[in-house]
Amino acid sequence: MNLMDIVALAKQGFTPADVKELLSAGETPQESEMIPDSAENSSDQKTVQRDDQQDTEQVEVGDAVDYKEKFEELEAKYEQMQKDLQAAQVNNTRNIDVSFKNEKSYEETIGDLARSFM
């Protein structure tokens, strides 16, 4: 068993004691032995327990959040934005003359263009 095999076993969840036991027995683990069910389940349970502990610590450390107050603030902002949007839409729909007014005739424009090249 070489170093890469030991690293692979460690990634699979084997402890150093398990690896030493395998080395002392002088046999290489087969595919069915690579991932023991108990080791897989225990590592998953440990991860879940750590996540739960971190979540409870964050709740205990953080201040109590008043969600109702935050909701009311967001609702007031939303209503204000709706009013602002309506005012902007009314401003944009006023009768504004957007037609293209060419103050020069086409002949004058072409003449200016020709003079600019001379």
PDB file of N, CA and C in Angstrom:
ATOM      1  N   MET A   1       0.863  -1.165   0.000  1.00  0.00           N
ATOM      2  CA  MET A   1       0.000   0.000   0.000  1.00  0.00           C
ATOM      3  C   MET A   1       0.909   1.227   0.000  1.00  0.00           C
ATOM      4  N   ASN A   2       0.691   2.102  -0.964  1.00  0.00           N
ATOM      5  CA  ASN A   2       1.544   3.280  -1.046  1.00  0.00           C
ATOM      6  C   ASN A   2       0.837   4.491  -0.438  1.00  0.00           C
ATOM      7  N   LEU A   3       1.495   5.615  -0.525  1.00  0.00           N
ATOM      8  CA  LEU A   3       0.986   6.848   0.082  1.00  0.00           C
ATOM      9  C   LEU A   3      -0.336   7.286  -0.535  1.00  0.00           C
ATOM     10  N   MET A   4      -0.475   7.130  -1.843  1.00  0.00           N
ATOM     11  CA  MET A   4      -1.712   7.530  -2.525  1.00  0.00           C
ATOM     12  C   MET A   4      -2.901   6.701  -2.038  1.00  0.00           C
ATOM     13  N   ASP A   5      -2.664   5.421  -1.762  1.00  0.00           N
ATOM     14  CA  ASP A   5      -3.726   4.570  -1.244  1.00  0.00           C
ATOM     15  C   ASP A   5      -4.161   5.038   0.142  1.00  0.00           C
ATOM     16  N   ILE A   6      -3.200   5.410   0.962  1.00  0.00           N
ATOM     17  CA  ILE A   6      -3.504   5.880   2.320  1.00  0.00           C
ATOM     18  C   ILE A   6      -4.295   7.184   2.260  1.00  0.00           C
ATOM     19  N   VAL A   7      -3.907   8.079   1.352  1.00  0.00           N
ATOM     20  CA  VAL A   7      -4.632   9.342   1.191  1.00  0.00           C
ATOM     21  C   VAL A   7      -6.053   9.084   0.717  1.00  0.00           C
ATOM     22  N   ALA A   8      -6.219   8.149  -0.206  1.00  0.00           N
ATOM     23  CA  ALA A   8      -7.550   7.808  -0.694  1.00  0.00           C
ATOM     24  C   ALA A   8      -8.410   7.260   0.436  1.00  0.00           C
ATOM     25  N   LEU A   9      -7.818   6.431   1.280  1.00  0.00           N
ATOM     26  CA  LEU A   9      -8.559   5.902   2.425  1.00  0.00           C
ATOM     27  C   LEU A   9      -8.953   7.015   3.392  1.00  0.00           C
ATOM     28  N   ALA A  10      -8.059   7.949   3.612  1.00  0.00           N
ATOM     29  CA  ALA A  10      -8.360   9.064   4.510  1.00  0.00           C
ATOM     30  C   ALA A  10      -9.507   9.901   3.958  1.00  0.00           C
ATOM     31  N   LYS A  11      -9.525  10.097   2.649  1.00  0.00           N
ATOM     32  CA  LYS A  11     -10.618  10.857   2.028  1.00  0.00           C
ATOM     33  C   LYS A  11     -11.938  10.119   2.152  1.00  0.00           C
ATOM     34  N   GLN A  12     -11.886   8.812   2.201  1.00  0.00           N
ATOM     35  CA  GLN A  12     -13.094   8.006   2.316  1.00  0.00           C
ATOM     36  C   GLN A  12     -13.619   7.954   3.748  1.00  0.00           C
ATOM     37  N   GLY A  13     -12.852   8.476   4.696  1.00  0.00           N
ATOM     38  CA  GLY A  13     -13.335   8.521   6.058  1.00  0.00           C
ATOM     39  C   GLY A  13     -12.652   7.558   7.014  1.00  0.00           C
ATOM     40  N   PHE A  14     -11.641   6.873   6.564  1.00  0.00           N
ATOM     41  CA  PHE A  14     -10.917   5.970   7.435  1.00  0.00           C
ATOM     42  C   PHE A  14     -10.059   6.775   8.414  1.00  0.00           C
ATOM     43  N   THR A  15     -10.019   6.339   9.637  1.00  0.00           N
ATOM     44  CA  THR A  15      -9.197   6.992  10.651  1.00  0.00           C
ATOM     45  C   THR A  15      -7.783   6.420  10.589  1.00  0.00           C
ATOM     46  N   PRO A  16      -6.819   7.110  11.201  1.00  0.00           N
ATOM     47  CA  PRO A  16      -5.452   6.566  11.216  1.00  0.00           C
ATOM     48  C   PRO A  16      -5.374   5.176  11.843  1.00  0.00           C
ATOM     49  N   ALA A  17      -6.208   4.923  12.832  1.00  0.00           N
ATOM     50  CA  ALA A  17      -6.201   3.600  13.457  1.00  0.00           C
ATOM     51  C   ALA A  17      -6.665   2.529  12.469  1.00  0.00           C
ATOM     52  N   ASP A  18      -7.666   2.860  11.655  1.00  0.00           N
ATOM     53  CA  ASP A  18      -8.143   1.913  10.648  1.00  0.00           C
ATOM     54  C   ASP A  18      -7.059   1.619   9.619  1.00  0.00           C
ATOM     55  N   VAL A  19      -6.340   2.667   9.208  1.00  0.00           N
ATOM     56  CA  VAL A  19      -5.282   2.497   8.208  1.00  0.00           C
ATOM     57  C   VAL A  19      -4.164   1.632   8.779  1.00  0.00           C
ATOM     58  N   LYS A  20      -3.788   1.878  10.047  1.00  0.00           N
ATOM     59  CA  LYS A  20      -2.733   1.065  10.674  1.00  0.00           C
ATOM     60  C   LYS A  20      -3.169  -0.386  10.772  1.00  0.00           C
ATOM     61  N   GLU A  21      -4.429  -0.600  11.072  1.00  0.00           N
ATOM     62  CA  GLU A  21      -4.949  -1.964  11.169  1.00  0.00           C
ATOM     63  C   GLU A  21      -4.868  -2.660   9.811  1.00  0.00           C
ATOM     64  N   LEU A  22      -5.191  -1.919   8.749  1.00  0.00           N
ATOM     65  CA  LEU A  22      -5.107  -2.493   7.406  1.00  0.00           C
ATOM     66  C   LEU A  22      -3.660  -2.781   7.025  1.00  0.00           C
ATOM     67  N   LEU A  23      -2.750  -1.895   7.394  1.00  0.00           N
ATOM     68  CA  LEU A  23      -1.336  -2.108   7.088  1.00  0.00           C
ATOM     69  C   LEU A  23      -0.779  -3.306   7.850  1.00  0.00           C
ATOM     70  N   SER A  24      -1.190  -3.438   9.098  1.00  0.00           N
ATOM     71  CA  SER A  24      -0.685  -4.559   9.897  1.00  0.00           C
ATOM     72  C   SER A  24      -1.255  -5.884   9.411  1.00  0.00           C
ATOM     73  N   ALA A  25      -2.450  -5.870   8.906  1.00  0.00           N
ATOM     74  CA  ALA A  25      -3.048  -7.100   8.390  1.00  0.00           C
ATOM     75  C   ALA A  25      -2.422  -7.481   7.066  1.00  0.00           C
ATOM     76  N   GLY A  26      -1.824  -6.516   6.373  1.00  0.00           N
ATOM     77  CA  GLY A  26      -1.130  -6.805   5.131  1.00  0.00           C
ATOM     78  C   GLY A  26      -2.058  -7.031   3.954  1.00  0.00           C
ATOM     79  N   GLU A  27      -3.280  -6.579   4.061  1.00  0.00           N
ATOM     80  CA  GLU A  27      -4.198  -6.759   2.948  1.00  0.00           C
ATOM     81  C   GLU A  27      -4.706  -5.412   2.477  1.00  0.00           C
ATOM     82  N   THR A  28      -5.041  -5.328   1.232  1.00  0.00           N
ATOM     83  CA  THR A  28      -5.595  -4.095   0.681  1.00  0.00           C
ATOM     84  C   THR A  28      -7.107  -4.186   0.727  1.00  0.00           C
ATOM     85  N   PRO A  29      -7.759  -3.106   1.029  1.00  0.00           N
ATOM     86  CA  PRO A  29      -9.220  -3.152   1.103  1.00  0.00           C
ATOM     87  C   PRO A  29      -9.833  -3.305  -0.277  1.00  0.00           C
ATOM     88  N   GLN A  30     -10.903  -4.042  -0.328  1.00  0.00           N
ATOM     89  CA  GLN A  30     -11.623  -4.212  -1.580  1.00  0.00           C
ATOM     90  C   GLN A  30     -12.639  -3.083  -1.716  1.00  0.00           C
ATOM     91  N   GLU A  31     -13.281  -3.016  -2.873  1.00  0.00           N
ATOM     92  CA  GLU A  31     -14.230  -1.937  -3.145  1.00  0.00           C
ATOM     93  C   GLU A  31     -15.349  -1.893  -2.100  1.00  0.00           C
ATOM     94  N   SER A  32     -15.830  -3.044  -1.658  1.00  0.00           N
ATOM     95  CA  SER A  32     -16.908  -3.074  -0.681  1.00  0.00           C
ATOM     96  C   SER A  32     -16.441  -2.573   0.683  1.00  0.00           C
ATOM     97  N   GLU A  33     -15.139  -2.670   0.960  1.00  0.00           N
ATOM     98  CA  GLU A  33     -14.616  -2.239   2.242  1.00  0.00           C
ATOM     99  C   GLU A  33     -14.180  -0.773   2.226  1.00  0.00           C
ATOM    100  N   MET A  34     -14.107  -0.172   1.078  1.00  0.00           N
ATOM    101  CA  MET A  34     -13.602   1.196   0.971  1.00  0.00           C
ATOM    102  C   MET A  34     -14.467   2.187   1.737  1.00  0.00           C
ATOM    103  N   ILE A  35     -15.781   2.027   1.681  1.00  0.00           N
ATOM    104  CA  ILE A  35     -16.676   2.971   2.350  1.00  0.00           C
ATOM    105  C   ILE A  35     -17.556   2.191   3.320  1.00  0.00           C
ATOM    106  N   PRO A  36     -17.149   2.112   4.556  1.00  0.00           N
ATOM    107  CA  PRO A  36     -18.010   1.423   5.516  1.00  0.00           C
ATOM    108  C   PRO A  36     -19.242   2.273   5.805  1.00  0.00           C
ATOM    109  N   ASP A  37     -20.395   1.616   5.916  1.00  0.00           N
ATOM    110  CA  ASP A  37     -21.645   2.331   6.134  1.00  0.00           C
ATOM    111  C   ASP A  37     -21.630   3.113   7.437  1.00  0.00           C
ATOM    112  N   SER A  38     -21.071   2.523   8.470  1.00  0.00           N
ATOM    113  CA  SER A  38     -21.077   3.197   9.766  1.00  0.00           C
ATOM    114  C   SER A  38     -20.226   4.458   9.734  1.00  0.00           C
ATOM    115  N   ALA A  39     -19.086   4.408   9.055  1.00  0.00           N
ATOM    116  CA  ALA A  39     -18.214   5.580   8.979  1.00  0.00           C
ATOM    117  C   ALA A  39     -18.882   6.674   8.163  1.00  0.00           C
ATOM    118  N   GLU A  40     -19.548   6.313   7.093  1.00  0.00           N
ATOM    119  CA  GLU A  40     -20.212   7.299   6.250  1.00  0.00           C
ATOM    120  C   GLU A  40     -21.346   7.966   7.015  1.00  0.00           C
ATOM    121  N   ASN A  41     -22.169   7.182   7.679  1.00  0.00           N
ATOM    122  CA  ASN A  41     -23.294   7.728   8.424  1.00  0.00           C
ATOM    123  C   ASN A  41     -22.830   8.578   9.593  1.00  0.00           C
ATOM    124  N   SER A  42     -21.784   8.143  10.287  1.00  0.00           N
ATOM    125  CA  SER A  42     -21.325   8.915  11.437  1.00  0.00           C
ATOM    126  C   SER A  42     -20.743  10.245  11.005  1.00  0.00           C
ATOM    127  N   SER A  43     -20.032  10.282   9.866  1.00  0.00           N
ATOM    128  CA  SER A  43     -19.483  11.560   9.408  1.00  0.00           C
ATOM    129  C   SER A  43     -20.597  12.493   8.979  1.00  0.00           C
ATOM    130  N   ASP A  44     -21.656  11.963   8.350  1.00  0.00           N
ATOM    131  CA  ASP A  44     -22.794  12.798   7.974  1.00  0.00           C
ATOM    132  C   ASP A  44     -23.495  13.340   9.212  1.00  0.00           C
ATOM    133  N   GLN A  45     -23.640  12.507  10.234  1.00  0.00           N
ATOM    134  CA  GLN A  45     -24.287  12.940  11.465  1.00  0.00           C
ATOM    135  C   GLN A  45     -23.459  14.002  12.163  1.00  0.00           C
ATOM    136  N   LYS A  46     -22.129  13.837  12.144  1.00  0.00           N
ATOM    137  CA  LYS A  46     -21.268  14.835  12.766  1.00  0.00           C
ATOM    138  C   LYS A  46     -21.390  16.166  12.042  1.00  0.00           C
ATOM    139  N   THR A  47     -21.469  16.138  10.733  1.00  0.00           N
ATOM    140  CA  THR A  47     -21.607  17.363   9.952  1.00  0.00           C
ATOM    141  C   THR A  47     -22.924  18.049  10.270  1.00  0.00           C
ATOM    142  N   VAL A  48     -23.998  17.282  10.335  1.00  0.00           N
ATOM    143  CA  VAL A  48     -25.308  17.852  10.650  1.00  0.00           C
ATOM    144  C   VAL A  48     -25.297  18.450  12.049  1.00  0.00           C
ATOM    145  N   GLN A  49     -24.693  17.733  13.003  1.00  0.00           N
ATOM    146  CA  GLN A  49     -24.633  18.240  14.365  1.00  0.00           C
ATOM    147  C   GLN A  49     -23.823  19.516  14.430  1.00  0.00           C
ATOM    148  N   ARG A  50     -22.706  19.600  13.696  1.00  0.00           N
ATOM    149  CA  ARG A  50     -21.892  20.816  13.683  1.00  0.00           C
ATOM    150  C   ARG A  50     -22.680  21.971  13.085  1.00  0.00           C
ATOM    151  N   ASP A  51     -23.412  21.720  12.003  1.00  0.00           N
ATOM    152  CA  ASP A  51     -24.213  22.772  11.381  1.00  0.00           C
ATOM    153  C   ASP A  51     -25.287  23.269  12.341  1.00  0.00           C
ATOM    154  N   ASP A  52     -25.935  22.331  13.050  1.00  0.00           N
ATOM    155  CA  ASP A  52     -26.962  22.714  14.008  1.00  0.00           C
ATOM    156  C   ASP A  52     -26.374  23.554  15.137  1.00  0.00           C
ATOM    157  N   GLN A  53     -25.204  23.159  15.608  1.00  0.00           N
ATOM    158  CA  GLN A  53     -24.558  23.900  16.688  1.00  0.00           C
ATOM    159  C   GLN A  53     -24.194  25.300  16.223  1.00  0.00           C
ATOM    160  N   GLN A  54     -23.692  25.425  15.004  1.00  0.00           N
ATOM    161  CA  GLN A  54     -23.329  26.741  14.487  1.00  0.00           C
ATOM    162  C   GLN A  54     -24.564  27.612  14.334  1.00  0.00           C
ATOM    163  N   ASP A  55     -25.674  27.042  13.875  1.00  0.00           N
ATOM    164  CA  ASP A  55     -26.905  27.813  13.723  1.00  0.00           C
ATOM    165  C   ASP A  55     -27.403  28.307  15.070  1.00  0.00           C
ATOM    166  N   THR A  56     -27.375  27.445  16.096  1.00  0.00           N
ATOM    167  CA  THR A  56     -27.853  27.866  17.403  1.00  0.00           C
ATOM    168  C   THR A  56     -26.927  28.913  18.001  1.00  0.00           C
ATOM    169  N   GLU A  57     -25.629  28.796  17.758  1.00  0.00           N
ATOM    170  CA  GLU A  57     -24.693  29.797  18.268  1.00  0.00           C
ATOM    171  C   GLU A  57     -24.940  31.138  17.610  1.00  0.00           C
ATOM    172  N   GLN A  58     -25.220  31.149  16.342  1.00  0.00           N
ATOM    173  CA  GLN A  58     -25.476  32.401  15.639  1.00  0.00           C
ATOM    174  C   GLN A  58     -26.748  33.056  16.157  1.00  0.00           C
ATOM    175  N   VAL A  59     -27.760  32.275  16.456  1.00  0.00           N
ATOM    176  CA  VAL A  59     -29.006  32.831  16.968  1.00  0.00           C
ATOM    177  C   VAL A  59     -28.787  33.404  18.361  1.00  0.00           C
ATOM    178  N   GLU A  60     -28.034  32.694  19.174  1.00  0.00           N
ATOM    179  CA  GLU A  60     -27.795  33.163  20.535  1.00  0.00           C
ATOM    180  C   GLU A  60     -26.936  34.414  20.548  1.00  0.00           C
ATOM    181  N   VAL A  61     -25.944  34.486  19.669  1.00  0.00           N
ATOM    182  CA  VAL A  61     -25.028  35.615  19.648  1.00  0.00           C
ATOM    183  C   VAL A  61     -25.703  36.848  19.064  1.00  0.00           C
ATOM    184  N   GLY A  62     -26.448  36.686  17.985  1.00  0.00           N
ATOM    185  CA  GLY A  62     -27.085  37.818  17.312  1.00  0.00           C
ATOM    186  C   GLY A  62     -28.239  38.368  18.130  1.00  0.00           C
ATOM    187  N   ASP A  63     -28.544  39.636  17.870  1.00  0.00           N
ATOM    188  CA  ASP A  63     -29.677  40.258  18.544  1.00  0.00           C
ATOM    189  C   ASP A  63     -30.971  39.707  17.955  1.00  0.00           C
ATOM    190  N   ALA A  64     -32.025  39.807  18.744  1.00  0.00           N
ATOM    191  CA  ALA A  64     -33.323  39.369  18.272  1.00  0.00           C
ATOM    192  C   ALA A  64     -33.780  40.324  17.172  1.00  0.00           C
ATOM    193  N   VAL A  65     -34.194  39.779  16.053  1.00  0.00           N
ATOM    194  CA  VAL A  65     -34.575  40.587  14.904  1.00  0.00           C
ATOM    195  C   VAL A  65     -36.094  40.726  14.896  1.00  0.00           C
ATOM    196  N   ASP A  66     -36.554  41.961  14.756  1.00  0.00           N
ATOM    197  CA  ASP A  66     -37.985  42.214  14.684  1.00  0.00           C
ATOM    198  C   ASP A  66     -38.401  42.193  13.219  1.00  0.00           C
ATOM    199  N   TYR A  67     -38.882  41.042  12.778  1.00  0.00           N
ATOM    200  CA  TYR A  67     -39.213  40.869  11.374  1.00  0.00           C
ATOM    201  C   TYR A  67     -40.443  41.677  10.977  1.00  0.00           C
ATOM    202  N   LYS A  68     -41.356  41.861  11.902  1.00  0.00           N
ATOM    203  CA  LYS A  68     -42.557  42.635  11.587  1.00  0.00           C
ATOM    204  C   LYS A  68     -42.169  44.076  11.266  1.00  0.00           C
ATOM    205  N   GLU A  69     -41.262  44.630  12.045  1.00  0.00           N
ATOM    206  CA  GLU A  69     -40.807  46.004  11.817  1.00  0.00           C
ATOM    207  C   GLU A  69     -40.089  46.116  10.469  1.00  0.00           C
ATOM    208  N   LYS A  70     -39.234  45.144  10.167  1.00  0.00           N
ATOM    209  CA  LYS A  70     -38.531  45.159   8.885  1.00  0.00           C
ATOM    210  C   LYS A  70     -39.508  45.035   7.726  1.00  0.00           C
ATOM    211  N   PHE A  71     -40.515  44.193   7.886  1.00  0.00           N
ATOM    212  CA  PHE A  71     -41.522  44.033   6.845  1.00  0.00           C
ATOM    213  C   PHE A  71     -42.266  45.335   6.611  1.00  0.00           C
ATOM    214  N   GLU A  72     -42.627  46.013   7.676  1.00  0.00           N
ATOM    215  CA  GLU A  72     -43.345  47.282   7.542  1.00  0.00           C
ATOM    216  C   GLU A  72     -42.470  48.338   6.867  1.00  0.00           C
ATOM    217  N   GLU A  73     -41.177  48.353   7.177  1.00  0.00           N
ATOM    218  CA  GLU A  73     -40.259  49.296   6.533  1.00  0.00           C
ATOM    219  C   GLU A  73     -40.184  49.016   5.030  1.00  0.00           C
ATOM    220  N   LEU A  74     -40.046  47.745   4.680  1.00  0.00           N
ATOM    221  CA  LEU A  74     -39.973  47.380   3.265  1.00  0.00           C
ATOM    222  C   LEU A  74     -41.276  47.682   2.537  1.00  0.00           C
ATOM    223  N   GLU A  75     -42.369  47.476   3.225  1.00  0.00           N
ATOM    224  CA  GLU A  75     -43.667  47.768   2.621  1.00  0.00           C
ATOM    225  C   GLU A  75     -43.814  49.268   2.360  1.00  0.00           C
ATOM    226  N   ALA A  76     -43.352  50.104   3.305  1.00  0.00           N
ATOM    227  CA  ALA A  76     -43.408  51.558   3.115  1.00  0.00           C
ATOM    228  C   ALA A  76     -42.506  51.982   1.953  1.00  0.00           C
ATOM    229  N   LYS A  77     -41.300  51.390   1.853  1.00  0.00           N
ATOM    230  CA  LYS A  77     -40.405  51.696   0.731  1.00  0.00           C
ATOM    231  C   LYS A  77     -41.043  51.291  -0.597  1.00  0.00           C
ATOM    232  N   TYR A  78     -41.691  50.150  -0.614  1.00  0.00           N
ATOM    233  CA  TYR A  78     -42.341  49.663  -1.826  1.00  0.00           C
ATOM    234  C   TYR A  78     -43.438  50.624  -2.271  1.00  0.00           C
ATOM    235  N   GLU A  79     -44.268  51.065  -1.335  1.00  0.00           N
ATOM    236  CA  GLU A  79     -45.346  51.997  -1.671  1.00  0.00           C
ATOM    237  C   GLU A  79     -44.782  53.316  -2.186  1.00  0.00           C
ATOM    238  N   GLN A  80     -43.700  53.812  -1.569  1.00  0.00           N
ATOM    239  CA  GLN A  80     -43.078  55.058  -2.016  1.00  0.00           C
ATOM    240  C   GLN A  80     -42.508  54.897  -3.426  1.00  0.00           C
ATOM    241  N   MET A  81     -41.894  53.754  -3.704  1.00  0.00           N
ATOM    242  CA  MET A  81     -41.342  53.512  -5.033  1.00  0.00           C
ATOM    243  C   MET A  81     -42.452  53.414  -6.076  1.00  0.00           C
ATOM    244  N   GLN A  82     -43.591  52.841  -5.702  1.00  0.00           N
ATOM    245  CA  GLN A  82     -44.729  52.781  -6.620  1.00  0.00           C
ATOM    246  C   GLN A  82     -45.208  54.182  -6.971  1.00  0.00           C
ATOM    247  N   LYS A  83     -45.273  55.059  -5.970  1.00  0.00           N
ATOM    248  CA  LYS A  83     -45.700  56.441  -6.211  1.00  0.00           C
ATOM    249  C   LYS A  83     -44.694  57.160  -7.102  1.00  0.00           C
ATOM    250  N   ASP A  84     -43.402  56.966  -6.840  1.00  0.00           N
ATOM    251  CA  ASP A  84     -42.363  57.594  -7.653  1.00  0.00           C
ATOM    252  C   ASP A  84     -42.417  57.095  -9.100  1.00  0.00           C
ATOM    253  N   LEU A  85     -42.657  55.816  -9.269  1.00  0.00           N
ATOM    254  CA  LEU A  85     -42.755  55.240 -10.602  1.00  0.00           C
ATOM    255  C   LEU A  85     -43.937  55.822 -11.356  1.00  0.00           C
ATOM    256  N   GLN A  86     -45.057  55.951 -10.677  1.00  0.00           N
ATOM    257  CA  GLN A  86     -46.241  56.511 -11.307  1.00  0.00           C
ATOM    258  C   GLN A  86     -45.985  57.956 -11.738  1.00  0.00           C
ATOM    259  N   ALA A  87     -45.323  58.741 -10.887  1.00  0.00           N
ATOM    260  CA  ALA A  87     -45.019  60.128 -11.219  1.00  0.00           C
ATOM    261  C   ALA A  87     -44.065  60.194 -12.416  1.00  0.00           C
ATOM    262  N   ALA A  88     -43.082  59.319 -12.464  1.00  0.00           N
ATOM    263  CA  ALA A  88     -42.140  59.303 -13.578  1.00  0.00           C
ATOM    264  C   ALA A  88     -42.838  58.904 -14.872  1.00  0.00           C
ATOM    265  N   GLN A  89     -43.769  57.962 -14.791  1.00  0.00           N
ATOM    266  CA  GLN A  89     -44.493  57.543 -15.987  1.00  0.00           C
ATOM    267  C   GLN A  89     -45.388  58.659 -16.503  1.00  0.00           C
ATOM    268  N   VAL A  90     -45.996  59.395 -15.595  1.00  0.00           N
ATOM    269  CA  VAL A  90     -46.828  60.532 -16.009  1.00  0.00           C
ATOM    270  C   VAL A  90     -45.950  61.587 -16.674  1.00  0.00           C
ATOM    271  N   ASN A  91     -44.781  61.848 -16.113  1.00  0.00           N
ATOM    272  CA  ASN A  91     -43.849  62.812 -16.697  1.00  0.00           C
ATOM    273  C   ASN A  91     -43.418  62.388 -18.096  1.00  0.00           C
ATOM    274  N   ASN A  92     -43.199  61.118 -18.303  1.00  0.00           N
ATOM    275  CA  ASN A  92     -42.728  60.622 -19.589  1.00  0.00           C
ATOM    276  C   ASN A  92     -43.814  60.601 -20.652  1.00  0.00           C
ATOM    277  N   THR A  93     -45.070  60.621 -20.260  1.00  0.00           N
ATOM    278  CA  THR A  93     -46.154  60.530 -21.235  1.00  0.00           C
ATOM    279  C   THR A  93     -46.763  61.880 -21.574  1.00  0.00           C
ATOM    280  N   ARG A  94     -46.198  62.941 -21.115  1.00  0.00           N
ATOM    281  CA  ARG A  94     -46.712  64.267 -21.465  1.00  0.00           C
ATOM    282  C   ARG A  94     -46.559  64.491 -22.956  1.00  0.00           C
ATOM    283  N   ASN A  95     -47.345  65.389 -23.479  1.00  0.00           N
ATOM    284  CA  ASN A  95     -47.290  65.691 -24.909  1.00  0.00           C
ATOM    285  C   ASN A  95     -46.049  66.516 -25.209  1.00  0.00           C
ATOM    286  N   ILE A  96     -45.011  65.848 -25.576  1.00  0.00           N
ATOM    287  CA  ILE A  96     -43.761  66.493 -25.922  1.00  0.00           C
ATOM    288  C   ILE A  96     -43.541  66.286 -27.414  1.00  0.00           C
ATOM    289  N   ASP A  97     -43.170  67.348 -28.100  1.00  0.00           N
ATOM    290  CA  ASP A  97     -42.924  67.254 -29.526  1.00  0.00           C
ATOM    291  C   ASP A  97     -41.574  66.586 -29.752  1.00  0.00           C
ATOM    292  N   VAL A  98     -41.608  65.363 -30.216  1.00  0.00           N
ATOM    293  CA  VAL A  98     -40.384  64.623 -30.444  1.00  0.00           C
ATOM    294  C   VAL A  98     -40.104  64.452 -31.934  1.00  0.00           C
ATOM    295  N   SER A  99     -40.812  65.197 -32.730  1.00  0.00           N
ATOM    296  CA  SER A  99     -40.604  65.080 -34.175  1.00  0.00           C
ATOM    297  C   SER A  99     -39.249  65.651 -34.555  1.00  0.00           C
ATOM    298  N   PHE A 100     -38.697  65.140 -35.631  1.00  0.00           N
ATOM    299  CA  PHE A 100     -37.390  65.572 -36.106  1.00  0.00           C
ATOM    300  C   PHE A 100     -37.576  66.831 -36.934  1.00  0.00           C
ATOM    301  N   LYS A 101     -36.987  67.899 -36.462  1.00  0.00           N
ATOM    302  CA  LYS A 101     -37.077  69.157 -37.195  1.00  0.00           C
ATOM    303  C   LYS A 101     -35.711  69.460 -37.785  1.00  0.00           C
ATOM    304  N   ASN A 102     -35.650  69.370 -39.094  1.00  0.00           N
ATOM    305  CA  ASN A 102     -34.417  69.681 -39.778  1.00  0.00           C
ATOM    306  C   ASN A 102     -34.469  71.156 -40.145  1.00  0.00           C
ATOM    307  N   GLU A 103     -33.634  71.947 -39.520  1.00  0.00           N
ATOM    308  CA  GLU A 103     -33.651  73.374 -39.754  1.00  0.00           C
ATOM    309  C   GLU A 103     -33.021  73.727 -41.096  1.00  0.00           C
ATOM    310  N   LYS A 104     -32.142  72.896 -41.605  1.00  0.00           N
ATOM    311  CA  LYS A 104     -31.513  73.137 -42.892  1.00  0.00           C
ATOM    312  C   LYS A 104     -32.144  72.217 -43.931  1.00  0.00           C
ATOM    313  N   SER A 105     -32.176  72.683 -45.136  1.00  0.00           N
ATOM    314  CA  SER A 105     -32.667  71.834 -46.214  1.00  0.00           C
ATOM    315  C   SER A 105     -31.570  70.843 -46.594  1.00  0.00           C
ATOM    316  N   TYR A 106     -31.956  69.841 -47.354  1.00  0.00           N
ATOM    317  CA  TYR A 106     -30.988  68.828 -47.763  1.00  0.00           C
ATOM    318  C   TYR A 106     -29.891  69.441 -48.631  1.00  0.00           C
ATOM    319  N   GLU A 107     -30.264  70.426 -49.471  1.00  0.00           N
ATOM    320  CA  GLU A 107     -29.274  71.061 -50.333  1.00  0.00           C
ATOM    321  C   GLU A 107     -28.224  71.802 -49.512  1.00  0.00           C
ATOM    322  N   GLU A 108     -28.681  72.493 -48.472  1.00  0.00           N
ATOM    323  CA  GLU A 108     -27.737  73.226 -47.618  1.00  0.00           C
ATOM    324  C   GLU A 108     -26.805  72.261 -46.874  1.00  0.00           C
ATOM    325  N   THR A 109     -27.355  71.131 -46.418  1.00  0.00           N
ATOM    326  CA  THR A 109     -26.560  70.139 -45.698  1.00  0.00           C
ATOM    327  C   THR A 109     -25.496  69.541 -46.609  1.00  0.00           C
ATOM    328  N   ILE A 110     -25.871  69.225 -47.865  1.00  0.00           N
ATOM    329  CA  ILE A 110     -24.925  68.653 -48.807  1.00  0.00           C
ATOM    330  C   ILE A 110     -23.865  69.682 -49.168  1.00  0.00           C
ATOM    331  N   GLY A 111     -24.283  70.938 -49.312  1.00  0.00           N
ATOM    332  CA  GLY A 111     -23.325  72.007 -49.597  1.00  0.00           C
ATOM    333  C   GLY A 111     -22.327  72.163 -48.476  1.00  0.00           C
ATOM    334  N   ASP A 112     -22.786  72.124 -47.231  1.00  0.00           N
ATOM    335  CA  ASP A 112     -21.873  72.227 -46.075  1.00  0.00           C
ATOM    336  C   ASP A 112     -20.901  71.037 -46.044  1.00  0.00           C
ATOM    337  N   LEU A 113     -21.408  69.876 -46.387  1.00  0.00           N
ATOM    338  CA  LEU A 113     -20.580  68.681 -46.416  1.00  0.00           C
ATOM    339  C   LEU A 113     -19.492  68.791 -47.474  1.00  0.00           C
ATOM    340  N   ALA A 114     -19.865  69.274 -48.643  1.00  0.00           N
ATOM    341  CA  ALA A 114     -18.892  69.429 -49.727  1.00  0.00           C
ATOM    342  C   ALA A 114     -17.835  70.474 -49.368  1.00  0.00           C
ATOM    343  N   ARG A 115     -18.263  71.557 -48.726  1.00  0.00           N
ATOM    344  CA  ARG A 115     -17.313  72.608 -48.335  1.00  0.00           C
ATOM    345  C   ARG A 115     -16.340  72.116 -47.262  1.00  0.00           C
ATOM    346  N   SER A 116     -16.789  71.183 -46.428  1.00  0.00           N
ATOM    347  CA  SER A 116     -15.927  70.705 -45.356  1.00  0.00           C
ATOM    348  C   SER A 116     -14.766  69.872 -45.909  1.00  0.00           C
ATOM    349  N   PHE A 117     -14.949  69.277 -47.100  1.00  0.00           N
ATOM    350  CA  PHE A 117     -13.882  68.492 -47.722  1.00  0.00           C
ATOM    351  C   PHE A 117     -12.896  69.355 -48.501  1.00  0.00           C
ATOM    352  N   MET A 118     -13.221  70.596 -48.784  1.00  0.00           N
ATOM    353  CA  MET A 118     -12.349  71.458 -49.590  1.00  0.00           C
ATOM    354  C   MET A 118     -11.345  72.189 -48.761  1.00  0.00           C
TER     355      MET A 118
END
